[in-house]
Amino acid sequence: GEARMNFPGTVGGNWLWRMRPGAADDALAGRIRALNGRTGRLLRP
């Protein structure tokens, strides 16, 4: 929950989350791509 982007109806403390460098790595990309393949969502199979 510390990475939540917005709390509707509140002002201040929103829109602040940032991804850490290196978080979007090849291992994560591979897992997502495999899921895309299994569920028929790859546009460039």
All heavy atoms as atom14 arrays in JSON, in Angstrom:
{
  "sequence": "GEARMNFPGTVGGNWLWRMRPGAADDALAGRIRALNGRTGRLLRP",
  "atom14_mask": [
    [1, 1, 1, 1, 0, 0, 0, 0, 0, 0, 0, 0, 0, 0],
    [1, 1, 1, 1, 1, 1, 1, 1, 1, 0, 0, 0, 0, 0],
    [1, 1, 1, 1, 1, 0, 0, 0, 0, 0, 0, 0, 0, 0],
    [1, 1, 1, 1, 1, 1, 1, 1, 1, 1, 1, 0, 0, 0],
    [1, 1, 1, 1, 1, 1, 1, 1, 0, 0, 0, 0, 0, 0],
    [1, 1, 1, 1, 1, 1, 1, 1, 0, 0, 0, 0, 0, 0],
    [1, 1, 1, 1, 1, 1, 1, 1, 1, 1, 1, 0, 0, 0],
    [1, 1, 1, 1, 1, 1, 1, 0, 0, 0, 0, 0, 0, 0],
    [1, 1, 1, 1, 0, 0, 0, 0, 0, 0, 0, 0, 0, 0],
    [1, 1, 1, 1, 1, 1, 1, 0, 0, 0, 0, 0, 0, 0],
    [1, 1, 1, 1, 1, 1, 1, 0, 0, 0, 0, 0, 0, 0],
    [1, 1, 1, 1, 0, 0, 0, 0, 0, 0, 0, 0, 0, 0],
    [1, 1, 1, 1, 0, 0, 0, 0, 0, 0, 0, 0, 0, 0],
    [1, 1, 1, 1, 1, 1, 1, 1, 0, 0, 0, 0, 0, 0],
    [1, 1, 1, 1, 1, 1, 1, 1, 1, 1, 1, 1, 1, 1],
    [1, 1, 1, 1, 1, 1, 1, 1, 0, 0, 0, 0, 0, 0],
    [1, 1, 1, 1, 1, 1, 1, 1, 1, 1, 1, 1, 1, 1],
    [1, 1, 1, 1, 1, 1, 1, 1, 1, 1, 1, 0, 0, 0],
    [1, 1, 1, 1, 1, 1, 1, 1, 0, 0, 0, 0, 0, 0],
    [1, 1, 1, 1, 1, 1, 1, 1, 1, 1, 1, 0, 0, 0],
    [1, 1, 1, 1, 1, 1, 1, 0, 0, 0, 0, 0, 0, 0],
    [1, 1, 1, 1, 0, 0, 0, 0, 0, 0, 0, 0, 0, 0],
    [1, 1, 1, 1, 1, 0, 0, 0, 0, 0, 0, 0, 0, 0],
    [1, 1, 1, 1, 1, 0, 0, 0, 0, 0, 0, 0, 0, 0],
    [1, 1, 1, 1, 1, 1, 1, 1, 0, 0, 0, 0, 0, 0],
    [1, 1, 1, 1, 1, 1, 1, 1, 0, 0, 0, 0, 0, 0],
    [1, 1, 1, 1, 1, 0, 0, 0, 0, 0, 0, 0, 0, 0],
    [1, 1, 1, 1, 1, 1, 1, 1, 0, 0, 0, 0, 0, 0],
    [1, 1, 1, 1, 1, 0, 0, 0, 0, 0, 0, 0, 0, 0],
    [1, 1, 1, 1, 0, 0, 0, 0, 0, 0, 0, 0, 0, 0],
    [1, 1, 1, 1, 1, 1, 1, 1, 1, 1, 1, 0, 0, 0],
    [1, 1, 1, 1, 1, 1, 1, 1, 0, 0, 0, 0, 0, 0],
    [1, 1, 1, 1, 1, 1, 1, 1, 1, 1, 1, 0, 0, 0],
    [1, 1, 1, 1, 1, 0, 0, 0, 0, 0, 0, 0, 0, 0],
    [1, 1, 1, 1, 1, 1, 1, 1, 0, 0, 0, 0, 0, 0],
    [1, 1, 1, 1, 1, 1, 1, 1, 0, 0, 0, 0, 0, 0],
    [1, 1, 1, 1, 0, 0, 0, 0, 0, 0, 0, 0, 0, 0],
    [1, 1, 1, 1, 1, 1, 1, 1, 1, 1, 1, 0, 0, 0],
    [1, 1, 1, 1, 1, 1, 1, 0, 0, 0, 0, 0, 0, 0],
    [1, 1, 1, 1, 0, 0, 0, 0, 0, 0, 0, 0, 0, 0],
    [1, 1, 1, 1, 1, 1, 1, 1, 1, 1, 1, 0, 0, 0],
    [1, 1, 1, 1, 1, 1, 1, 1, 0, 0, 0, 0, 0, 0],
    [1, 1, 1, 1, 1, 1, 1, 1, 0, 0, 0, 0, 0, 0],
    [1, 1, 1, 1, 1, 1, 1, 1, 1, 1, 1, 0, 0, 0],
    [1, 1, 1, 1, 1, 1, 1, 0, 0, 0, 0, 0, 0, 0]
  ],
  "atom14_positions": [
    [[0.79, -1.23, 0.0], [0.0, 0.0, 0.0], [0.82, 1.27, 0.0], [0.32, 2.34, -0.35], [0.0, 0.0, 0.0], [0.0, 0.0, 0.0], [0.0, 0.0, 0.0], [0.0, 0.0, 0.0], [0.0, 0.0, 0.0], [0.0, 0.0, 0.0], [0.0, 0.0, 0.0], [0.0, 0.0, 0.0], [0.0, 0.0, 0.0], [0.0, 0.0, 0.0]],
    [[2.1, 1.17, 0.39], [2.95, 2.37, 0.36], [3.15, 2.89, -1.06], [3.55, 4.04, -1.26], [4.31, 2.06, 1.0], [5.27, 1.2, 0.16], [4.93, -0.29, 0.16], [4.03, -0.69, 0.94], [5.56, -1.04, -0.6], [0.0, 0.0, 0.0], [0.0, 0.0, 0.0], [0.0, 0.0, 0.0], [0.0, 0.0, 0.0], [0.0, 0.0, 0.0]],
    [[2.87, 2.05, -2.07], [3.05, 2.45, -3.47], [1.75, 2.93, -4.11], [1.72, 3.17, -5.32], [3.62, 1.28, -4.27], [0.0, 0.0, 0.0], [0.0, 0.0, 0.0], [0.0, 0.0, 0.0], [0.0, 0.0, 0.0], [0.0, 0.0, 0.0], [0.0, 0.0, 0.0], [0.0, 0.0, 0.0], [0.0, 0.0, 0.0], [0.0, 0.0, 0.0]],
    [[0.71, 3.07, -3.32], [-0.57, 3.55, -3.87], [-0.4, 4.93, -4.47], [0.27, 5.8, -3.92], [-1.62, 3.56, -2.77], [-3.0, 3.99, -3.24], [-4.05, 3.81, -2.16], [-5.37, 4.22, -2.64], [-6.5, 3.93, -2.04], [-6.5, 3.23, -0.91], [-7.65, 4.36, -2.54], [0.0, 0.0, 0.0], [0.0, 0.0, 0.0], [0.0, 0.0, 0.0]],
    [[-1.08, 5.18, -5.59], [-0.91, 6.44, -6.31], [-1.83, 7.54, -5.79], [-1.43, 8.69, -5.72], [-1.16, 6.21, -7.81], [-0.65, 7.31, -8.71], [1.15, 7.44, -8.69], [1.46, 8.48, -10.11], [0.0, 0.0, 0.0], [0.0, 0.0, 0.0], [0.0, 0.0, 0.0], [0.0, 0.0, 0.0], [0.0, 0.0, 0.0], [0.0, 0.0, 0.0]],
    [[-3.08, 7.21, -5.44], [-4.03, 8.25, -5.08], [-5.05, 7.73, -4.07], [-5.5, 6.6, -4.15], [-4.76, 8.75, -6.33], [-5.75, 9.87, -6.02], [-5.41, 10.81, -5.31], [-6.96, 9.77, -6.53], [0.0, 0.0, 0.0], [0.0, 0.0, 0.0], [0.0, 0.0, 0.0], [0.0, 0.0, 0.0], [0.0, 0.0, 0.0], [0.0, 0.0, 0.0]],
    [[-5.41, 8.62, -3.14], [-6.52, 8.39, -2.24], [-7.62, 9.38, -2.62], [-7.52, 10.58, -2.3], [-6.1, 8.63, -0.78], [-5.14, 7.6, -0.24], [-3.78, 7.69, -0.5], [-5.61, 6.54, 0.52], [-2.89, 6.76, 0.0], [-4.72, 5.59, 1.01], [-3.36, 5.7, 0.75], [0.0, 0.0, 0.0], [0.0, 0.0, 0.0], [0.0, 0.0, 0.0]],
    [[-8.67, 8.94, -3.34], [-9.71, 9.87, -3.8], [-10.31, 10.68, -2.64], [-10.49, 10.17, -1.53], [-10.76, 8.95, -4.41], [-10.0, 7.74, -4.82], [-8.93, 7.56, -3.79], [0.0, 0.0, 0.0], [0.0, 0.0, 0.0], [0.0, 0.0, 0.0], [0.0, 0.0, 0.0], [0.0, 0.0, 0.0], [0.0, 0.0, 0.0], [0.0, 0.0, 0.0]],
    [[-10.57, 11.95, -2.94], [-11.17, 12.83, -1.94], [-10.19, 13.44, -0.97], [-10.6, 14.15, -0.04], [0.0, 0.0, 0.0], [0.0, 0.0, 0.0], [0.0, 0.0, 0.0], [0.0, 0.0, 0.0], [0.0, 0.0, 0.0], [0.0, 0.0, 0.0], [0.0, 0.0, 0.0], [0.0, 0.0, 0.0], [0.0, 0.0, 0.0], [0.0, 0.0, 0.0]],
    [[-8.89, 13.18, -1.15], [-7.88, 13.77, -0.28], [-6.94, 14.65, -1.09], [-6.78, 14.47, -2.3], [-7.05, 12.69, 0.43], [-6.26, 11.98, -0.53], [-7.94, 11.7, 1.16], [0.0, 0.0, 0.0], [0.0, 0.0, 0.0], [0.0, 0.0, 0.0], [0.0, 0.0, 0.0], [0.0, 0.0, 0.0], [0.0, 0.0, 0.0], [0.0, 0.0, 0.0]],
    [[-6.31, 15.61, -0.44], [-5.36, 16.51, -1.09], [-4.04, 16.43, -0.32], [-4.01, 16.52, 0.9], [-5.88, 17.96, -1.09], [-4.83, 18.88, -1.71], [-7.19, 18.06, -1.85], [0.0, 0.0, 0.0], [0.0, 0.0, 0.0], [0.0, 0.0, 0.0], [0.0, 0.0, 0.0], [0.0, 0.0, 0.0], [0.0, 0.0, 0.0], [0.0, 0.0, 0.0]],
    [[-2.95, 16.26, -1.07], [-1.63, 16.16, -0.45], [-1.23, 14.71, -0.25], [-2.03, 13.88, 0.19], [0.0, 0.0, 0.0], [0.0, 0.0, 0.0], [0.0, 0.0, 0.0], [0.0, 0.0, 0.0], [0.0, 0.0, 0.0], [0.0, 0.0, 0.0], [0.0, 0.0, 0.0], [0.0, 0.0, 0.0], [0.0, 0.0, 0.0], [0.0, 0.0, 0.0]],
    [[0.01, 14.41, -0.62], [0.52, 13.05, -0.45], [0.15, 12.08, -1.54], [0.45, 10.89, -1.43], [0.0, 0.0, 0.0], [0.0, 0.0, 0.0], [0.0, 0.0, 0.0], [0.0, 0.0, 0.0], [0.0, 0.0, 0.0], [0.0, 0.0, 0.0], [0.0, 0.0, 0.0], [0.0, 0.0, 0.0], [0.0, 0.0, 0.0], [0.0, 0.0, 0.0]],
    [[-0.52, 12.58, -2.6], [-0.89, 11.72, -3.71], [0.05, 11.9, -4.9], [0.82, 12.86, -4.96], [-2.33, 12.03, -4.15], [-3.34, 11.66, -3.09], [-3.24, 10.61, -2.46], [-4.33, 12.52, -2.88], [0.0, 0.0, 0.0], [0.0, 0.0, 0.0], [0.0, 0.0, 0.0], [0.0, 0.0, 0.0], [0.0, 0.0, 0.0], [0.0, 0.0, 0.0]],
    [[-0.02, 10.96, -5.86], [0.68, 11.04, -7.15], [2.2, 10.93, -7.01], [2.93, 11.29, -7.92], [0.33, 12.34, -7.89], [-1.08, 12.76, -7.73], [-1.53, 13.85, -7.03], [-2.24, 12.11, -8.25], [-2.91, 13.91, -7.08], [-3.37, 12.85, -7.83], [-2.44, 10.96, -9.04], [-4.67, 12.48, -8.18], [-3.73, 10.6, -9.37], [-4.83, 11.36, -8.94]],
    [[2.69, 10.42, -5.88], [4.11, 10.51, -5.59], [4.92, 9.26, -5.94], [6.14, 9.34, -6.07], [4.32, 10.8, -4.09], [3.71, 12.1, -3.56], [3.96, 12.22, -2.06], [4.29, 13.3, -4.29], [0.0, 0.0, 0.0], [0.0, 0.0, 0.0], [0.0, 0.0, 0.0], [0.0, 0.0, 0.0], [0.0, 0.0, 0.0], [0.0, 0.0, 0.0]],
    [[4.27, 8.1, -6.1], [5.03, 6.86, -6.24], [5.93, 6.87, -7.47], [5.55, 7.32, -8.55], [4.1, 5.65, -6.33], [4.88, 4.39, -6.59], [5.66, 3.72, -5.69], [5.02, 3.7, -7.84], [6.27, 2.64, -6.29], [5.89, 2.59, -7.61], [4.5, 3.9, -9.12], [6.24, 1.7, -8.62], [4.86, 3.0, -10.14], [5.71, 1.92, -9.88]],
    [[7.16, 6.33, -7.28], [8.09, 6.16, -8.39], [8.68, 4.76, -8.34], [8.9, 4.21, -7.27], [9.23, 7.19, -8.31], [8.76, 8.62, -8.48], [9.93, 9.57, -8.39], [10.86, 9.37, -9.5], [12.17, 9.62, -9.42], [12.7, 10.07, -8.3], [12.93, 9.44, -10.48], [0.0, 0.0, 0.0], [0.0, 0.0, 0.0], [0.0, 0.0, 0.0]],
    [[8.91, 4.21, -9.52], [9.52, 2.89, -9.63], [11.03, 3.01, -9.44], [11.65, 3.94, -9.96], [9.2, 2.3, -11.0], [9.79, 0.92, -11.22], [9.25, 0.2, -12.8], [10.14, 1.27, -13.96], [0.0, 0.0, 0.0], [0.0, 0.0, 0.0], [0.0, 0.0, 0.0], [0.0, 0.0, 0.0], [0.0, 0.0, 0.0], [0.0, 0.0, 0.0]],
    [[11.62, 2.07, -8.75], [13.07, 2.08, -8.53], [13.81, 1.67, -9.8], [13.32, 0.83, -10.57], [13.43, 1.14, -7.39], [12.99, 1.65, -6.04], [13.82, 1.08, -4.93], [13.62, 1.83, -3.69], [14.43, 1.76, -2.65], [15.49, 0.98, -2.71], [14.2, 2.46, -1.57], [0.0, 0.0, 0.0], [0.0, 0.0, 0.0], [0.0, 0.0, 0.0]],
    [[14.99, 2.24, -10.03], [15.78, 1.83, -11.2], [16.03, 0.33, -11.19], [16.34, -0.26, -10.14], [17.09, 2.61, -11.03], [16.72, 3.79, -10.17], [15.65, 3.31, -9.25], [0.0, 0.0, 0.0], [0.0, 0.0, 0.0], [0.0, 0.0, 0.0], [0.0, 0.0, 0.0], [0.0, 0.0, 0.0], [0.0, 0.0, 0.0], [0.0, 0.0, 0.0]],
    [[15.9, -0.29, -12.34], [16.17, -1.71, -12.47], [15.02, -2.62, -12.1], [15.12, -3.85, -12.27], [0.0, 0.0, 0.0], [0.0, 0.0, 0.0], [0.0, 0.0, 0.0], [0.0, 0.0, 0.0], [0.0, 0.0, 0.0], [0.0, 0.0, 0.0], [0.0, 0.0, 0.0], [0.0, 0.0, 0.0], [0.0, 0.0, 0.0], [0.0, 0.0, 0.0]],
    [[13.91, -2.06, -11.6], [12.79, -2.92, -11.19], [12.14, -3.61, -12.39], [11.71, -4.76, -12.3], [11.75, -2.09, -10.43], [0.0, 0.0, 0.0], [0.0, 0.0, 0.0], [0.0, 0.0, 0.0], [0.0, 0.0, 0.0], [0.0, 0.0, 0.0], [0.0, 0.0, 0.0], [0.0, 0.0, 0.0], [0.0, 0.0, 0.0], [0.0, 0.0, 0.0]],
    [[12.05, -2.91, -13.51], [11.47, -3.48, -14.72], [12.56, -4.23, -15.47], [13.11, -3.76, -16.47], [10.85, -2.39, -15.59], [0.0, 0.0, 0.0], [0.0, 0.0, 0.0], [0.0, 0.0, 0.0], [0.0, 0.0, 0.0], [0.0, 0.0, 0.0], [0.0, 0.0, 0.0], [0.0, 0.0, 0.0], [0.0, 0.0, 0.0], [0.0, 0.0, 0.0]],
    [[12.89, -5.42, -14.99], [14.04, -6.15, -15.54], [13.61, -7.25, -16.5], [12.41, -7.49, -16.72], [14.89, -6.71, -14.41], [14.13, -7.67, -13.49], [13.06, -8.16, -13.88], [14.61, -7.92, -12.36], [0.0, 0.0, 0.0], [0.0, 0.0, 0.0], [0.0, 0.0, 0.0], [0.0, 0.0, 0.0], [0.0, 0.0, 0.0], [0.0, 0.0, 0.0]],
    [[14.59, -7.93, -17.05], [14.3, -8.97, -18.05], [13.56, -10.15, -17.44], [12.75, -10.79, -18.12], [15.61, -9.45, -18.69], [16.21, -8.42, -19.65], [15.5, -7.45, -19.99], [17.37, -8.59, -20.05], [0.0, 0.0, 0.0], [0.0, 0.0, 0.0], [0.0, 0.0, 0.0], [0.0, 0.0, 0.0], [0.0, 0.0, 0.0], [0.0, 0.0, 0.0]],
    [[13.82, -10.46, -16.19], [13.14, -11.59, -15.57], [11.64, -11.32, -15.47], [10.82, -12.19, -15.77], [13.73, -11.85, -14.18], [0.0, 0.0, 0.0], [0.0, 0.0, 0.0], [0.0, 0.0, 0.0], [0.0, 0.0, 0.0], [0.0, 0.0, 0.0], [0.0, 0.0, 0.0], [0.0, 0.0, 0.0], [0.0, 0.0, 0.0], [0.0, 0.0, 0.0]],
    [[11.28, -10.11, -15.03], [9.87, -9.74, -14.96], [9.25, -9.73, -16.35], [8.13, -10.23, -16.55], [9.71, -8.38, -14.28], [8.28, -7.84, -14.2], [7.37, -8.8, -13.43], [8.27, -6.45, -13.54], [0.0, 0.0, 0.0], [0.0, 0.0, 0.0], [0.0, 0.0, 0.0], [0.0, 0.0, 0.0], [0.0, 0.0, 0.0], [0.0, 0.0, 0.0]],
    [[9.95, -9.17, -17.32], [9.45, -9.14, -18.69], [9.19, -10.56, -19.2], [8.17, -10.82, -19.86], [10.44, -8.43, -19.61], [0.0, 0.0, 0.0], [0.0, 0.0, 0.0], [0.0, 0.0, 0.0], [0.0, 0.0, 0.0], [0.0, 0.0, 0.0], [0.0, 0.0, 0.0], [0.0, 0.0, 0.0], [0.0, 0.0, 0.0], [0.0, 0.0, 0.0]],
    [[10.07, -11.48, -18.87], [9.89, -12.86, -19.31], [8.66, -13.51, -18.72], [7.92, -14.23, -19.42], [0.0, 0.0, 0.0], [0.0, 0.0, 0.0], [0.0, 0.0, 0.0], [0.0, 0.0, 0.0], [0.0, 0.0, 0.0], [0.0, 0.0, 0.0], [0.0, 0.0, 0.0], [0.0, 0.0, 0.0], [0.0, 0.0, 0.0], [0.0, 0.0, 0.0]],
    [[8.4, -13.25, -17.43], [7.22, -13.83, -16.78], [5.94, -13.27, -17.38], [4.97, -14.01, -17.62], [7.27, -13.58, -15.28], [8.38, -14.34, -14.56], [8.18, -14.33, -13.06], [8.27, -13.0, -12.48], [9.41, -12.44, -12.08], [10.56, -13.09, -12.23], [9.4, -11.23, -11.54], [0.0, 0.0, 0.0], [0.0, 0.0, 0.0], [0.0, 0.0, 0.0]],
    [[5.94, -11.96, -17.64], [4.74, -11.35, -18.22], [4.52, -11.85, -19.65], [3.39, -12.13, -20.06], [4.85, -9.81, -18.19], [4.92, -9.3, -16.75], [3.65, -9.18, -18.91], [5.24, -7.82, -16.64], [0.0, 0.0, 0.0], [0.0, 0.0, 0.0], [0.0, 0.0, 0.0], [0.0, 0.0, 0.0], [0.0, 0.0, 0.0], [0.0, 0.0, 0.0]],
    [[5.6, -11.98, -20.39], [5.48, -12.46, -21.78], [4.94, -13.89, -21.82], [4.09, -14.21, -22.67], [6.84, -12.39, -22.49], [6.73, -12.67, -23.98], [8.03, -12.44, -24.72], [7.79, -12.53, -26.15], [7.42, -11.53, -26.93], [7.23, -10.33, -26.4], [7.23, -11.71, -28.21], [0.0, 0.0, 0.0], [0.0, 0.0, 0.0], [0.0, 0.0, 0.0]],
    [[5.38, -14.72, -20.9], [4.88, -16.09, -20.85], [3.38, -16.09, -20.55], [2.62, -16.86, -21.16], [5.64, -16.89, -19.8], [0.0, 0.0, 0.0], [0.0, 0.0, 0.0], [0.0, 0.0, 0.0], [0.0, 0.0, 0.0], [0.0, 0.0, 0.0], [0.0, 0.0, 0.0], [0.0, 0.0, 0.0], [0.0, 0.0, 0.0], [0.0, 0.0, 0.0]],
    [[2.95, -15.22, -19.64], [1.52, -15.11, -19.33], [0.73, -14.61, -20.54], [-0.36, -15.11, -20.83], [1.32, -14.17, -18.13], [-0.12, -13.94, -17.68], [-0.81, -15.26, -17.31], [-0.15, -12.97, -16.49], [0.0, 0.0, 0.0], [0.0, 0.0, 0.0], [0.0, 0.0, 0.0], [0.0, 0.0, 0.0], [0.0, 0.0, 0.0], [0.0, 0.0, 0.0]],
    [[1.3, -13.64, -21.24], [0.65, -13.16, -22.47], [0.48, -14.3, -23.47], [-0.56, -14.41, -24.14], [1.49, -12.04, -23.1], [1.05, -10.66, -22.63], [-0.12, -10.36, -22.62], [2.02, -9.83, -22.26], [0.0, 0.0, 0.0], [0.0, 0.0, 0.0], [0.0, 0.0, 0.0], [0.0, 0.0, 0.0], [0.0, 0.0, 0.0], [0.0, 0.0, 0.0]],
    [[1.51, -15.12, -23.59], [1.44, -16.24, -24.53], [0.37, -17.24, -24.14], [-0.41, -17.71, -24.99], [0.0, 0.0, 0.0], [0.0, 0.0, 0.0], [0.0, 0.0, 0.0], [0.0, 0.0, 0.0], [0.0, 0.0, 0.0], [0.0, 0.0, 0.0], [0.0, 0.0, 0.0], [0.0, 0.0, 0.0], [0.0, 0.0, 0.0], [0.0, 0.0, 0.0]],
    [[0.29, -17.55, -22.85], [-0.69, -18.55, -22.39], [-2.13, -18.05, -22.54], [-3.04, -18.86, -22.71], [-0.44, -18.91, -20.91], [0.86, -19.64, -20.66], [0.83, -20.31, -19.29], [0.6, -19.37, -18.19], [1.57, -18.71, -17.57], [2.84, -18.87, -17.95], [1.29, -17.91, -16.56], [0.0, 0.0, 0.0], [0.0, 0.0, 0.0], [0.0, 0.0, 0.0]],
    [[-2.33, -16.74, -22.48], [-3.7, -16.19, -22.52], [-4.05, -15.56, -23.86], [-5.08, -14.9, -23.99], [-3.88, -15.15, -21.39], [-2.87, -14.13, -21.52], [-3.76, -15.81, -20.02], [0.0, 0.0, 0.0], [0.0, 0.0, 0.0], [0.0, 0.0, 0.0], [0.0, 0.0, 0.0], [0.0, 0.0, 0.0], [0.0, 0.0, 0.0], [0.0, 0.0, 0.0]],
    [[-3.19, -15.76, -24.87], [-3.5, -15.29, -26.21], [-3.48, -13.79, -26.38], [-4.24, -13.25, -27.19], [0.0, 0.0, 0.0], [0.0, 0.0, 0.0], [0.0, 0.0, 0.0], [0.0, 0.0, 0.0], [0.0, 0.0, 0.0], [0.0, 0.0, 0.0], [0.0, 0.0, 0.0], [0.0, 0.0, 0.0], [0.0, 0.0, 0.0], [0.0, 0.0, 0.0]],
    [[-2.61, -13.11, -25.64], [-2.57, -11.65, -25.71], [-1.29, -11.11, -26.36], [-1.03, -9.9, -26.29], [-2.74, -11.04, -24.31], [-4.12, -11.34, -23.71], [-4.38, -10.57, -22.43], [-5.68, -10.91, -21.87], [-6.84, -10.35, -22.22], [-6.85, -9.42, -23.15], [-7.97, -10.73, -21.65], [0.0, 0.0, 0.0], [0.0, 0.0, 0.0], [0.0, 0.0, 0.0]],
    [[-0.5, -11.96, -26.99], [0.69, -11.49, -27.7], [0.3, -11.0, -29.08], [-0.25, -11.76, -29.87], [1.72, -12.61, -27.82], [2.62, -12.88, -26.63], [3.54, -14.05, -26.95], [3.45, -11.65, -26.28], [0.0, 0.0, 0.0], [0.0, 0.0, 0.0], [0.0, 0.0, 0.0], [0.0, 0.0, 0.0], [0.0, 0.0, 0.0], [0.0, 0.0, 0.0]],
    [[0.6, -9.73, -29.39], [0.27, -9.21, -30.71], [1.28, -9.63, -31.75], [1.0, -9.63, -32.94], [0.21, -7.68, -30.68], [-0.96, -7.06, -29.91], [-1.07, -5.59, -30.26], [-2.27, -7.76, -30.21], [0.0, 0.0, 0.0], [0.0, 0.0, 0.0], [0.0, 0.0, 0.0], [0.0, 0.0, 0.0], [0.0, 0.0, 0.0], [0.0, 0.0, 0.0]],
    [[2.49, -9.98, -31.3], [3.55, -10.37, -32.23], [4.09, -11.75, -31.87], [5.25, -11.93, -31.54], [4.69, -9.34, -32.2], [4.24, -7.95, -32.66], [5.37, -6.97, -32.62], [5.0, -5.68, -33.2], [5.82, -4.64, -33.3], [7.06, -4.74, -32.86], [5.41, -3.52, -33.83], [0.0, 0.0, 0.0], [0.0, 0.0, 0.0], [0.0, 0.0, 0.0]],
    [[3.24, -12.77, -31.97], [3.69, -14.12, -31.56], [4.76, -14.67, -32.48], [5.47, -15.59, -32.12], [2.41, -14.95, -31.67], [1.53, -14.19, -32.63], [1.85, -12.75, -32.39], [0.0, 0.0, 0.0], [0.0, 0.0, 0.0], [0.0, 0.0, 0.0], [0.0, 0.0, 0.0], [0.0, 0.0, 0.0], [0.0, 0.0, 0.0], [0.0, 0.0, 0.0]]
  ]
}
